[in-house]
Amino acid sequence: MTETNGQADKAQAVELTNAANQQPVKAKLPKRLLALLSLLTLASVSGLMAKQGVLFCMLTLLMVIAVLGRQKAGLYMLRGYTIIQLALVSLLPVILYDPDNLVAGPSTFHLGDWQGKLPDWLVFTVLILLALVQVWIAFTPKVKAYCHIKNSMNIMK
């Protein structure tokens, strides 16, 4: 009986040693996060090219770099960014509501030679849904597991 206990203790010690020698499994970059970061990068670069909101675009690019660098600060910035964006987009219909303007009609936008007209409620719905998808991506456990480096809030490290 003592031999069985001794063998069990040795087997348990070997398992613990093997577990300690193995490297921790690194989380891979989630595809949804990659798509979101690509969208943010594209929007920031187009904002820089149009010279609109240059500071905001630069900060967004730094946030993308921090998230790709697996910084915890980048994760916090991404989550804050998406929550603030959702709040602002959700309040957009209230902010833009003007009861004195009787000419309120569809939004008109131009993409090259093509001119599109969409009703405001459809534009607001699409913007709110995109913001909700961003919040969903930013708060998934895979994204949290990917951004694991715990150091100061310096995103340039």
Protein backbone atom coordinates (compact mmCIF):
# COMPACT_ATOMS: atom_id res chain seq x y z
CA MET A 1 0.00 0.00 0.00
CA THR A 2 2.89 2.36 0.70
CA GLU A 3 4.38 1.51 -2.69
CA THR A 4 1.13 2.55 -4.41
CA ASN A 5 1.07 5.85 -2.55
CA GLY A 6 4.75 6.44 -3.37
CA GLN A 7 4.16 5.74 -7.06
CA ALA A 8 1.15 8.03 -7.11
CA ASP A 9 3.21 10.80 -5.48
CA LYS A 10 5.99 10.34 -8.05
CA ALA A 11 3.50 10.41 -10.95
CA GLN A 12 1.92 13.56 -9.55
CA ALA A 13 5.34 15.21 -9.16
CA VAL A 14 6.23 14.32 -12.76
CA GLU A 15 2.94 15.83 -13.99
CA LEU A 16 3.58 19.04 -12.05
CA THR A 17 7.12 19.28 -13.44
CA ASN A 18 5.89 18.75 -17.01
CA ALA A 19 3.19 21.39 -16.53
CA ALA A 20 5.75 23.86 -15.19
CA ASN A 21 8.13 23.26 -18.10
CA GLN A 22 5.51 23.88 -20.79
CA GLN A 23 5.19 27.37 -22.20
CA PRO A 24 1.84 29.08 -21.67
CA VAL A 25 -0.34 28.99 -24.75
CA LYS A 26 -0.48 32.41 -26.39
CA ALA A 27 -3.84 33.58 -27.64
CA LYS A 28 -4.02 34.19 -31.37
CA LEU A 29 -5.37 37.41 -32.86
CA PRO A 30 -9.15 36.91 -33.17
CA LYS A 31 -10.42 37.36 -36.73
CA ARG A 32 -13.24 39.65 -35.58
CA LEU A 33 -10.75 41.89 -33.82
CA LEU A 34 -8.57 41.95 -36.93
CA ALA A 35 -11.58 43.02 -39.02
CA LEU A 36 -12.46 45.77 -36.52
CA LEU A 37 -8.88 47.04 -36.38
CA SER A 38 -8.72 47.02 -40.19
CA LEU A 39 -11.91 49.08 -40.34
CA LEU A 40 -10.57 51.55 -37.76
CA THR A 41 -7.27 51.81 -39.64
CA LEU A 42 -9.03 52.40 -42.95
CA ALA A 43 -11.26 55.09 -41.41
CA SER A 44 -8.28 56.79 -39.77
CA VAL A 45 -6.15 56.77 -42.90
CA SER A 46 -9.03 58.17 -44.96
CA GLY A 47 -9.54 60.87 -42.31
CA LEU A 48 -5.86 61.76 -42.49
CA MET A 49 -5.98 61.93 -46.27
CA ALA A 50 -9.05 64.19 -46.13
CA LYS A 51 -7.39 66.27 -43.37
CA GLN A 52 -10.46 65.87 -41.15
CA GLY A 53 -9.98 65.18 -37.46
CA VAL A 54 -6.25 64.61 -37.80
CA LEU A 55 -5.57 64.35 -34.05
CA PHE A 56 -8.45 61.93 -33.55
CA CYS A 57 -7.22 59.81 -36.48
CA MET A 58 -3.67 59.72 -35.08
CA LEU A 59 -4.95 58.64 -31.66
CA THR A 60 -7.04 55.92 -33.27
CA LEU A 61 -3.99 54.61 -35.14
CA LEU A 62 -1.99 54.58 -31.89
CA MET A 63 -4.83 52.62 -30.27
CA VAL A 64 -4.74 50.09 -33.14
CA ILE A 65 -0.98 49.69 -32.72
CA ALA A 66 -1.39 49.21 -28.96
CA VAL A 67 -4.03 46.51 -29.45
CA LEU A 68 -1.88 44.73 -32.03
CA GLY A 69 0.99 44.94 -29.51
CA ARG A 70 -1.22 43.08 -27.01
CA GLN A 71 -1.19 46.00 -24.57
CA LYS A 72 -3.82 46.02 -21.85
CA ALA A 73 -3.97 49.82 -22.23
CA GLY A 74 -4.93 49.35 -25.88
CA LEU A 75 -7.78 47.06 -24.83
CA TYR A 76 -9.05 49.64 -22.34
CA MET A 77 -8.82 52.37 -24.99
CA LEU A 78 -10.68 50.20 -27.52
CA ARG A 79 -13.46 49.46 -25.05
CA GLY A 80 -13.80 53.10 -24.03
CA TYR A 81 -13.73 54.18 -27.67
CA THR A 82 -16.53 51.82 -28.62
CA ILE A 83 -18.74 52.72 -25.65
CA ILE A 84 -18.37 56.45 -26.29
CA GLN A 85 -19.05 55.90 -29.99
CA LEU A 86 -22.20 53.89 -29.21
CA ALA A 87 -23.45 56.61 -26.86
CA LEU A 88 -22.82 59.41 -29.37
CA VAL A 89 -24.32 57.54 -32.31
CA SER A 90 -27.38 56.62 -30.23
CA LEU A 91 -27.88 60.27 -29.29
CA LEU A 92 -27.36 61.49 -32.85
CA PRO A 93 -31.08 61.46 -33.79
CA VAL A 94 -31.89 63.51 -30.68
CA ILE A 95 -29.04 65.95 -31.30
CA LEU A 96 -29.95 66.47 -34.96
CA TYR A 97 -33.71 66.69 -34.34
CA ASP A 98 -34.95 70.09 -35.54
CA PRO A 99 -38.75 70.53 -35.39
CA ASP A 100 -38.53 73.90 -37.18
CA ASN A 101 -36.97 72.32 -40.26
CA LEU A 102 -39.87 71.10 -42.41
CA VAL A 103 -37.55 70.05 -45.24
CA ALA A 104 -36.23 67.08 -43.25
CA GLY A 105 -35.85 64.41 -45.90
CA PRO A 106 -33.53 61.67 -46.99
CA SER A 107 -29.80 62.05 -46.56
CA THR A 108 -27.96 62.61 -49.83
CA PHE A 109 -24.38 61.53 -50.29
CA HIS A 110 -22.04 61.26 -53.24
CA LEU A 111 -19.61 58.44 -54.02
CA GLY A 112 -17.82 59.56 -57.15
CA ASP A 113 -20.45 59.98 -59.86
CA TRP A 114 -23.05 58.01 -57.97
CA GLN A 115 -25.53 59.91 -55.80
CA GLY A 116 -27.41 58.06 -53.10
CA LYS A 117 -30.48 59.04 -51.12
CA LEU A 118 -31.40 57.23 -47.94
CA PRO A 119 -33.88 58.14 -45.21
CA ASP A 120 -32.33 59.40 -41.97
CA TRP A 121 -33.80 56.60 -39.87
CA LEU A 122 -32.02 54.03 -42.06
CA VAL A 123 -28.67 55.84 -41.76
CA PHE A 124 -29.05 56.07 -37.95
CA THR A 125 -30.04 52.40 -37.71
CA VAL A 126 -26.97 51.28 -39.67
CA LEU A 127 -24.66 53.48 -37.57
CA ILE A 128 -26.13 52.18 -34.30
CA LEU A 129 -25.84 48.55 -35.47
CA LEU A 130 -22.20 49.07 -36.46
CA ALA A 131 -21.48 50.58 -33.03
CA LEU A 132 -23.18 47.62 -31.33
CA VAL A 133 -21.04 45.17 -33.34
CA GLN A 134 -17.92 47.09 -32.29
CA VAL A 135 -18.93 46.90 -28.62
CA TRP A 136 -19.64 43.17 -28.99
CA ILE A 137 -16.21 42.57 -30.51
CA ALA A 138 -14.36 44.70 -27.94
CA PHE A 139 -15.90 42.85 -24.99
CA THR A 140 -15.47 39.24 -26.13
CA PRO A 141 -13.31 36.97 -23.94
CA LYS A 142 -10.99 36.12 -26.85
CA VAL A 143 -10.06 39.79 -27.23
CA LYS A 144 -9.39 40.04 -23.50
CA ALA A 145 -7.21 36.93 -23.65
CA TYR A 146 -5.30 38.37 -26.61
CA CYS A 147 -4.46 41.64 -24.83
CA HIS A 148 -2.62 40.27 -21.83
CA ILE A 149 0.47 42.41 -21.26
CA LYS A 150 0.00 44.14 -17.94
CA ASN A 151 2.20 47.17 -17.72
CA SER A 152 1.67 50.86 -17.34
CA MET A 153 -0.85 52.81 -19.38
CA ASN A 154 1.99 53.81 -21.73
CA ILE A 155 0.82 52.50 -25.10
CA MET A 156 4.20 53.23 -26.66
CA LYS A 157 6.01 50.44 -24.76
